[in-house]
């Protein structure tokens, strides 16, 4: 078993919100019946419980379930000076139960970007205080400030030259990561939908319509992410999670990793990759042939979109297939995404969530030992 992250049995980050937390959020955000401090007390209790559960399931990397967030990305990005949330871009999500129409909020850069305060530090410090294992912080990839709105969502007055925008985004992230590192964070995950979206022909066409080159964007995004993490401590593990959309058990994009694989594995200087591989929409394992010898790939073979439990034998067979392209010692196992990338949550029971994490842990122990 691995003693540093990513761990042989790992997970992406978010968990289904308990009903008491959802009700408290409504009482604060919708009815204005409780204060932000009172909501935080409810969040703290819920986080203590999800931490206890993660430890009981056998996980080594522990998150706060993203219980303090509405969206995996908005809550973080809107705290940067110069960012405003305006409306949304309609996206048709696809799921086993049919299509779901959703317009995720779009980040608009209306002024010069500045990191004016710690964003995740207090949340990390609380998480660290309630677990004896490795606390993991998940934050949105810096690419989330560009892809969905493109050039049209970035003020030309503030940024006549787009390279200055990229430089400021990276600087904001370096400031946040420096503060997280100072608080003791040594396991950080960047959640990135955009590199995965650039594997989908329709998404690539949309990028081209916005004036971007879908073949060049992965390289530009790799440089952005590299600049964002350039000053991380040597003992901090940084992983990136690629996601094709995760809203109420539905997804937005499809397509294998081939269009971005060379850049993803050879130009992006992260330590590990959390890759969706729960069904055919993510393609085959062929793109893993580009993985260098010093990187870890976490295979997301267990779906968070359906409650039915995978077969342990099927998981082992698929790990064996992946090991034909990258050595087994460079592989780990996880669910394909979070269980609740937005506050709404995926359409599966809490019991199924627990069963899937236990399945990941048990399978990893049987494959890699420990």
Protein backbone atom coordinates (compact mmCIF):
# COMPACT_ATOMS: atom_id res chain seq x y z
CA UNK A 1 0.00 0.00 0.00
CA UNK A 2 1.10 3.56 -0.59
CA UNK A 3 1.98 5.64 2.47
CA UNK A 4 1.64 8.97 0.68
CA UNK A 5 -1.15 10.18 -1.61
CA UNK A 6 -2.71 9.34 -3.92
CA UNK A 7 -3.57 6.22 -1.93
CA UNK A 8 -4.35 2.78 -3.40
CA UNK A 9 -7.95 3.32 -2.29
CA UNK A 10 -8.83 6.97 -2.72
CA UNK A 11 -11.82 9.14 -3.57
CA UNK A 12 -12.56 12.36 -5.40
CA UNK A 13 -13.95 14.46 -2.59
CA UNK A 14 -17.66 15.19 -2.27
CA UNK A 15 -20.29 13.15 -0.42
CA UNK A 16 -24.07 13.29 -0.31
CA UNK A 17 -25.23 16.07 2.04
CA UNK A 18 -27.16 14.89 5.10
CA UNK A 19 -30.74 16.14 5.37
CA UNK A 20 -30.03 18.21 8.50
CA UNK A 21 -27.35 20.13 6.60
CA UNK A 22 -29.61 20.72 3.60
CA UNK A 23 -32.33 22.05 5.88
CA UNK A 24 -29.89 24.34 7.68
CA UNK A 25 -28.67 25.71 4.36
CA UNK A 26 -32.25 26.51 3.35
CA UNK A 27 -32.85 28.21 6.69
CA UNK A 28 -29.79 30.39 6.13
CA UNK A 29 -29.74 31.09 2.39
CA UNK A 30 -33.45 31.04 1.56
CA UNK A 31 -35.34 31.92 4.74
CA UNK A 32 -32.67 33.99 6.54
CA UNK A 33 -33.65 32.26 9.78
CA UNK A 34 -30.17 31.38 11.06
CA UNK A 35 -26.86 33.20 10.90
CA UNK A 36 -23.78 32.16 8.96
CA UNK A 37 -22.14 31.20 12.25
CA UNK A 38 -25.08 28.97 13.16
CA UNK A 39 -24.92 27.30 9.74
CA UNK A 40 -21.22 26.69 10.24
CA UNK A 41 -21.96 24.89 13.51
CA UNK A 42 -24.26 22.52 11.58
CA UNK A 43 -21.58 22.08 8.91
CA UNK A 44 -19.00 21.30 11.57
CA UNK A 45 -21.17 18.54 13.07
CA UNK A 46 -21.86 17.05 9.63
CA UNK A 47 -18.16 17.14 8.72
CA UNK A 48 -17.16 15.39 11.94
CA UNK A 49 -19.57 12.61 11.03
CA UNK A 50 -18.46 12.21 7.40
CA UNK A 51 -14.84 12.16 8.57
CA UNK A 52 -15.70 9.42 11.08
CA UNK A 53 -17.38 7.44 8.30
CA UNK A 54 -14.48 7.82 5.88
CA UNK A 55 -12.07 6.55 8.52
CA UNK A 56 -14.38 3.63 9.35
CA UNK A 57 -14.58 2.72 5.65
CA UNK A 58 -10.78 2.47 5.54
CA UNK A 59 -9.86 5.59 3.58
CA UNK A 60 -6.50 7.26 4.22
CA UNK A 61 -7.16 10.54 2.37
CA UNK A 62 -9.97 12.40 4.13
CA UNK A 63 -12.05 15.33 2.85
CA UNK A 64 -14.77 17.42 4.46
CA UNK A 65 -17.21 16.06 1.86
CA UNK A 66 -17.33 19.56 0.33
CA UNK A 67 -20.17 20.10 2.81
CA UNK A 68 -19.64 23.86 2.95
CA UNK A 69 -20.17 24.34 -0.81
CA UNK A 70 -23.04 24.79 -3.22
CA UNK A 71 -20.93 24.05 -6.31
CA UNK A 72 -17.52 22.44 -6.53
CA UNK A 73 -16.10 25.54 -8.25
CA UNK A 74 -18.25 28.65 -7.73
CA UNK A 75 -17.85 28.95 -3.96
CA UNK A 76 -14.07 29.14 -4.36
CA UNK A 77 -13.72 31.27 -7.48
CA UNK A 78 -16.23 33.94 -6.50
CA UNK A 79 -14.01 34.84 -3.53
CA UNK A 80 -11.30 36.16 -5.83
CA UNK A 81 -11.46 39.90 -6.36
CA UNK A 82 -12.45 40.64 -9.95
CA UNK A 83 -14.78 37.63 -10.32
CA UNK A 84 -18.57 37.89 -10.56
CA UNK A 85 -21.16 35.17 -11.05
CA UNK A 86 -23.60 36.03 -13.82
CA UNK A 87 -26.38 33.74 -15.04
CA UNK A 88 -25.39 30.51 -16.67
CA UNK A 89 -24.78 28.71 -19.93
CA UNK A 90 -27.42 26.08 -20.65
CA UNK A 91 -25.94 22.59 -20.86
CA UNK A 92 -27.81 19.38 -21.59
CA UNK A 93 -26.69 16.70 -19.15
CA UNK A 94 -27.29 13.05 -19.96
CA UNK A 95 -28.11 10.31 -17.48
CA UNK A 96 -29.56 6.82 -17.20
CA UNK A 97 -32.95 8.34 -16.37
CA UNK A 98 -32.89 10.72 -19.35
CA UNK A 99 -31.61 14.20 -20.13
CA UNK A 100 -31.35 16.95 -17.53
CA UNK A 101 -31.30 20.63 -18.47
CA UNK A 102 -28.98 22.67 -16.27
CA UNK A 103 -27.37 26.10 -16.57
CA UNK A 104 -24.31 26.10 -14.28
CA UNK A 105 -23.25 29.57 -13.12
CA UNK A 106 -20.62 31.23 -15.29
CA UNK A 107 -17.67 33.10 -13.83
CA UNK A 108 -17.17 36.54 -15.35
CA UNK A 109 -13.89 38.35 -14.85
CA UNK A 110 -14.95 41.98 -14.53
CA UNK A 111 -11.73 43.46 -13.15
CA UNK A 112 -8.15 42.70 -12.23
CA UNK A 113 -7.87 39.41 -10.39
CA UNK A 114 -6.50 39.46 -6.85
CA UNK A 115 -6.30 36.94 -4.03
CA UNK A 116 -7.40 39.18 -1.17
CA UNK A 117 -8.00 36.63 1.60
CA UNK A 118 -7.49 32.96 2.42
CA UNK A 119 -10.27 30.92 0.83
CA UNK A 120 -9.88 27.34 2.07
CA UNK A 121 -7.49 27.72 4.97
CA UNK A 122 -10.06 27.88 7.80
CA UNK A 123 -11.96 24.93 6.31
CA UNK A 124 -8.71 22.95 6.03
CA UNK A 125 -7.71 23.74 9.60
CA UNK A 126 -11.04 22.44 10.88
CA UNK A 127 -10.74 19.27 8.79
CA UNK A 128 -7.19 18.72 10.00
CA UNK A 129 -8.38 19.05 13.60
CA UNK A 130 -10.96 16.26 13.30
CA UNK A 131 -9.00 13.53 11.48
CA UNK A 132 -5.93 11.50 12.37
CA UNK A 133 -5.33 10.65 8.71
CA UNK A 134 -4.30 12.71 5.69
CA UNK A 135 -6.65 15.68 5.13
CA UNK A 136 -7.22 16.47 1.45
CA UNK A 137 -8.31 19.83 0.06
CA UNK A 138 -10.19 19.94 -3.24
CA UNK A 139 -10.36 23.18 -5.20
CA UNK A 140 -11.43 23.99 -8.76
CA UNK A 141 -8.77 23.99 -11.44
CA UNK A 142 -7.68 27.49 -12.53
CA UNK A 143 -8.95 26.64 -16.03
CA UNK A 144 -12.50 27.02 -14.69
CA UNK A 145 -12.12 30.81 -15.01
CA UNK A 146 -11.69 30.55 -18.77
CA UNK A 147 -13.29 27.66 -20.61
CA UNK A 148 -17.02 28.10 -20.07
CA UNK A 149 -17.21 31.77 -20.94
CA UNK A 150 -14.05 32.10 -23.00
CA UNK A 151 -12.71 35.47 -24.04
CA UNK A 152 -16.25 36.90 -23.91
CA UNK A 153 -16.46 36.45 -20.14
CA UNK A 154 -13.14 38.22 -19.45
CA UNK A 155 -13.08 42.02 -19.34
CA UNK A 156 -11.13 43.44 -22.26
CA UNK A 157 -10.64 46.62 -20.26
CA UNK A 158 -9.00 44.73 -17.39
CA UNK A 159 -7.22 42.27 -19.68
CA UNK A 160 -6.61 43.51 -23.22
CA UNK A 161 -3.86 40.86 -23.36
CA UNK A 162 -5.16 37.43 -22.34
CA UNK A 163 -1.68 36.36 -21.21
CA UNK A 164 -1.93 38.90 -18.38
CA UNK A 165 -5.19 37.22 -17.32
CA UNK A 166 -3.52 33.81 -17.19
CA UNK A 167 -0.60 35.27 -15.20
CA UNK A 168 -2.95 36.80 -12.62
CA UNK A 169 -5.00 33.60 -12.26
CA UNK A 170 -1.81 31.65 -11.58
CA UNK A 171 -0.65 34.26 -9.06
CA UNK A 172 -3.95 34.04 -7.16
CA UNK A 173 -3.62 30.26 -6.96
CA UNK A 174 0.01 30.44 -5.83
CA UNK A 175 -1.05 32.75 -3.00
CA UNK A 176 -3.82 30.38 -1.88
CA UNK A 177 -1.62 27.28 -2.13
CA UNK A 178 1.13 29.02 -0.16
CA UNK A 179 -1.33 29.77 2.65
CA UNK A 180 -2.72 26.23 2.59
CA UNK A 181 0.81 24.85 2.76
CA UNK A 182 1.55 27.12 5.72
CA UNK A 183 -1.48 25.64 7.51
CA UNK A 184 -0.13 22.13 6.93
CA UNK A 185 -1.92 21.01 3.78
CA UNK A 186 0.07 18.34 1.93
CA UNK A 187 -2.64 16.81 -0.28
CA UNK A 188 -4.33 19.06 -2.82
CA UNK A 189 -6.63 18.18 -5.70
CA UNK A 190 -7.57 20.39 -8.66
CA UNK A 191 -10.98 19.57 -10.14
CA UNK A 192 -10.95 20.14 -13.89
CA UNK A 193 -13.86 19.54 -16.25
CA UNK A 194 -12.30 21.37 -19.17
CA UNK A 195 -9.50 19.03 -20.18
CA UNK A 196 -12.10 16.23 -20.23
CA UNK A 197 -14.60 18.40 -22.13
CA UNK A 198 -11.92 18.88 -24.79
CA UNK A 199 -12.18 15.14 -25.45
CA UNK A 200 -15.78 15.62 -26.68
CA UNK A 201 -16.26 16.60 -30.36
CA UNK A 202 -19.26 18.81 -29.53
CA UNK A 203 -17.40 20.62 -26.76
CA UNK A 204 -14.41 21.09 -29.05
CA UNK A 205 -16.69 22.60 -31.68
CA UNK A 206 -18.14 24.93 -29.06
CA UNK A 207 -14.68 26.11 -28.07
CA UNK A 208 -13.87 26.79 -31.69
CA UNK A 209 -17.05 28.86 -32.04
CA UNK A 210 -15.92 30.97 -29.06
CA UNK A 211 -12.68 31.67 -30.89
CA UNK A 212 -10.42 29.14 -29.15
CA UNK A 213 -8.27 26.44 -30.74
CA UNK A 214 -9.27 23.12 -29.10
CA UNK A 215 -5.89 21.63 -30.02
CA UNK A 216 -3.94 24.47 -28.40
CA UNK A 217 -6.12 24.94 -25.32
CA UNK A 218 -4.83 21.81 -23.48
CA UNK A 219 -1.28 23.13 -23.79
CA UNK A 220 -2.30 26.59 -22.60
CA UNK A 221 -4.18 25.07 -19.70
CA UNK A 222 -1.22 22.87 -18.77
CA UNK A 223 1.00 25.97 -18.61
CA UNK A 224 -1.61 27.72 -16.46
CA UNK A 225 -1.89 24.84 -13.99
CA UNK A 226 1.89 24.44 -13.86
CA UNK A 227 2.28 28.14 -13.05
CA UNK A 228 -0.45 27.88 -10.39
CA UNK A 229 1.35 25.08 -8.51
CA UNK A 230 4.90 26.19 -9.25
CA UNK A 231 5.69 27.19 -5.65
CA UNK A 232 4.09 24.25 -3.84
CA UNK A 233 6.27 22.55 -1.22
CA UNK A 234 8.19 19.53 -2.45
CA UNK A 235 6.29 17.30 -0.02
CA UNK A 236 2.83 18.47 -1.16
CA UNK A 237 1.04 16.04 -3.47
CA UNK A 238 -1.06 17.70 -6.16
CA UNK A 239 -3.52 15.67 -8.18
CA UNK A 240 -5.92 16.67 -10.92
CA UNK A 241 -9.36 15.16 -11.37
CA UNK A 242 -10.82 15.12 -14.89
CA UNK A 243 -14.60 15.15 -15.00
CA UNK A 244 -17.14 15.14 -17.84
CA UNK A 245 -19.84 16.75 -15.71
CA UNK A 246 -21.55 15.48 -12.58
CA UNK A 247 -25.01 16.85 -11.80
CA UNK A 248 -27.78 14.74 -10.27
CA UNK A 249 -26.29 11.56 -11.78
CA UNK A 250 -25.98 13.10 -15.24
CA UNK A 251 -22.97 14.09 -17.35
CA UNK A 252 -22.31 16.72 -20.03
CA UNK A 253 -19.43 15.35 -22.13
CA UNK A 254 -18.26 12.09 -23.68
CA UNK A 255 -15.11 10.85 -25.36
CA UNK A 256 -11.84 9.08 -24.58
CA UNK A 257 -8.69 10.85 -23.38
CA UNK A 258 -6.78 10.50 -26.64
CA UNK A 259 -7.16 14.17 -27.78
CA UNK A 260 -5.47 15.47 -24.62
CA UNK A 261 -3.40 12.48 -23.45
CA UNK A 262 0.08 13.57 -24.53
CA UNK A 263 -0.32 17.02 -22.98
CA UNK A 264 -2.13 15.71 -19.91
CA UNK A 265 0.52 13.19 -18.98
CA UNK A 266 3.70 14.84 -20.24
CA UNK A 267 3.23 18.60 -19.99
CA UNK A 268 1.06 18.84 -16.88
CA UNK A 269 3.39 18.67 -13.86
CA UNK A 270 1.09 17.12 -11.26
CA UNK A 271 1.75 14.04 -9.17
CA UNK A 272 -1.43 12.11 -9.88
CA UNK A 273 -4.48 11.89 -12.13
CA UNK A 274 -7.99 10.96 -11.05
CA UNK A 275 -9.56 9.69 -14.27
CA UNK A 276 -13.16 8.75 -14.96
CA UNK A 277 -13.37 5.21 -16.31
CA UNK A 278 -16.74 3.98 -15.07
CA UNK A 279 -18.30 3.36 -18.49
CA UNK A 280 -17.78 3.54 -22.25
CA UNK A 281 -18.15 7.32 -22.45
CA UNK A 282 -14.59 7.68 -21.09
CA UNK A 283 -13.03 5.48 -23.78
CA UNK A 284 -10.42 2.76 -23.33
CA UNK A 285 -7.15 2.60 -21.42
CA UNK A 286 -4.97 3.16 -24.52
CA UNK A 287 -4.15 6.82 -23.66
CA UNK A 288 -2.43 5.62 -20.47
CA UNK A 289 0.54 4.62 -22.62
CA UNK A 290 1.69 8.26 -22.34
CA UNK A 291 1.93 8.18 -18.53
CA UNK A 292 5.55 8.77 -17.37
CA UNK A 293 7.14 6.57 -14.73
CA UNK A 294 6.93 9.15 -11.92
CA UNK A 295 3.14 9.68 -12.01
CA UNK A 296 0.21 7.91 -10.38
CA UNK A 297 -3.10 7.21 -12.12
CA UNK A 298 -6.19 6.73 -9.97
CA UNK A 299 -8.68 4.68 -11.96
CA UNK A 300 -12.24 5.89 -11.39
CA UNK A 301 -13.87 2.54 -12.08
CA UNK A 302 -16.71 2.73 -9.56
CA UNK A 303 -19.53 5.00 -10.69
CA UNK A 304 -21.07 7.59 -8.39
CA UNK A 305 -23.97 8.10 -10.78
CA UNK A 306 -25.82 4.82 -10.14
CA UNK A 307 -26.59 2.95 -6.94
CA UNK A 308 -25.98 -0.54 -8.31
CA UNK A 309 -22.77 -2.05 -6.95
CA UNK A 310 -19.99 -3.10 -9.27
CA UNK A 311 -18.55 -6.61 -9.24
CA UNK A 312 -15.20 -6.93 -7.50
CA UNK A 313 -14.07 -9.39 -10.17
CA UNK A 314 -14.96 -6.90 -12.91
CA UNK A 315 -12.97 -4.18 -11.16
CA UNK A 316 -9.94 -6.47 -10.90
CA UNK A 317 -10.26 -7.40 -14.57
CA UNK A 318 -10.32 -3.73 -15.60
CA UNK A 319 -7.34 -2.89 -13.38
CA UNK A 320 -5.50 -5.72 -15.11
CA UNK A 321 -6.43 -4.24 -18.51
CA UNK A 322 -5.15 -0.80 -17.47
CA UNK A 323 -1.91 -2.40 -16.22
CA UNK A 324 -1.12 -3.43 -19.80
CA UNK A 325 -0.51 0.26 -20.54
CA UNK A 326 0.97 1.53 -17.24
CA UNK A 327 2.60 -0.58 -14.50
CA UNK A 328 0.33 -1.82 -11.70
CA UNK A 329 2.46 -0.04 -9.07
CA UNK A 330 1.50 3.28 -10.70
CA UNK A 331 -2.23 2.59 -10.41
CA UNK A 332 -4.78 3.24 -7.67
CA UNK A 333 -8.57 2.89 -7.44
CA UNK A 334 -11.39 5.33 -6.66
CA UNK A 335 -14.97 6.21 -7.53
CA UNK A 336 -15.20 7.97 -10.88
CA UNK A 337 -16.28 11.32 -9.42
CA UNK A 338 -17.66 12.84 -6.26
CA UNK A 339 -21.08 11.79 -5.02
CA UNK A 340 -22.28 15.39 -4.83
CA UNK A 341 -20.34 17.84 -7.02
CA UNK A 342 -23.18 20.27 -6.36
CA UNK A 343 -25.32 20.55 -3.25
CA UNK A 344 -28.11 18.69 -5.10
CA UNK A 345 -26.29 15.34 -4.97
CA UNK A 346 -26.43 12.33 -7.24
CA UNK A 347 -29.39 9.98 -7.36
CA UNK A 348 -28.27 7.16 -5.13
CA UNK A 349 -28.83 6.24 -1.50
CA UNK A 350 -26.46 7.00 1.35
CA UNK A 351 -26.14 3.24 1.89
CA UNK A 352 -25.01 2.78 -1.73
CA UNK A 353 -22.42 5.53 -1.27
CA UNK A 354 -20.96 3.69 1.72
CA UNK A 355 -21.02 0.34 -0.11
CA UNK A 356 -19.12 1.79 -3.04
CA UNK A 357 -16.37 3.26 -0.87
CA UNK A 358 -16.04 -0.05 1.00
CA UNK A 359 -15.82 -1.85 -2.35
CA UNK A 360 -12.98 0.45 -3.45
CA UNK A 361 -11.08 -0.15 -0.21
CA UNK A 362 -11.58 -3.93 -0.23
CA UNK A 363 -10.64 -4.27 -3.89
CA UNK A 364 -7.52 -2.16 -3.45
CA UNK A 365 -6.39 -4.32 -0.52
CA UNK A 366 -6.85 -7.50 -2.54
CA UNK A 367 -5.04 -6.11 -5.60
CA UNK A 368 -2.14 -4.28 -3.94
CA UNK A 369 -2.05 -5.79 -0.43
CA UNK A 370 -2.06 -3.96 2.90
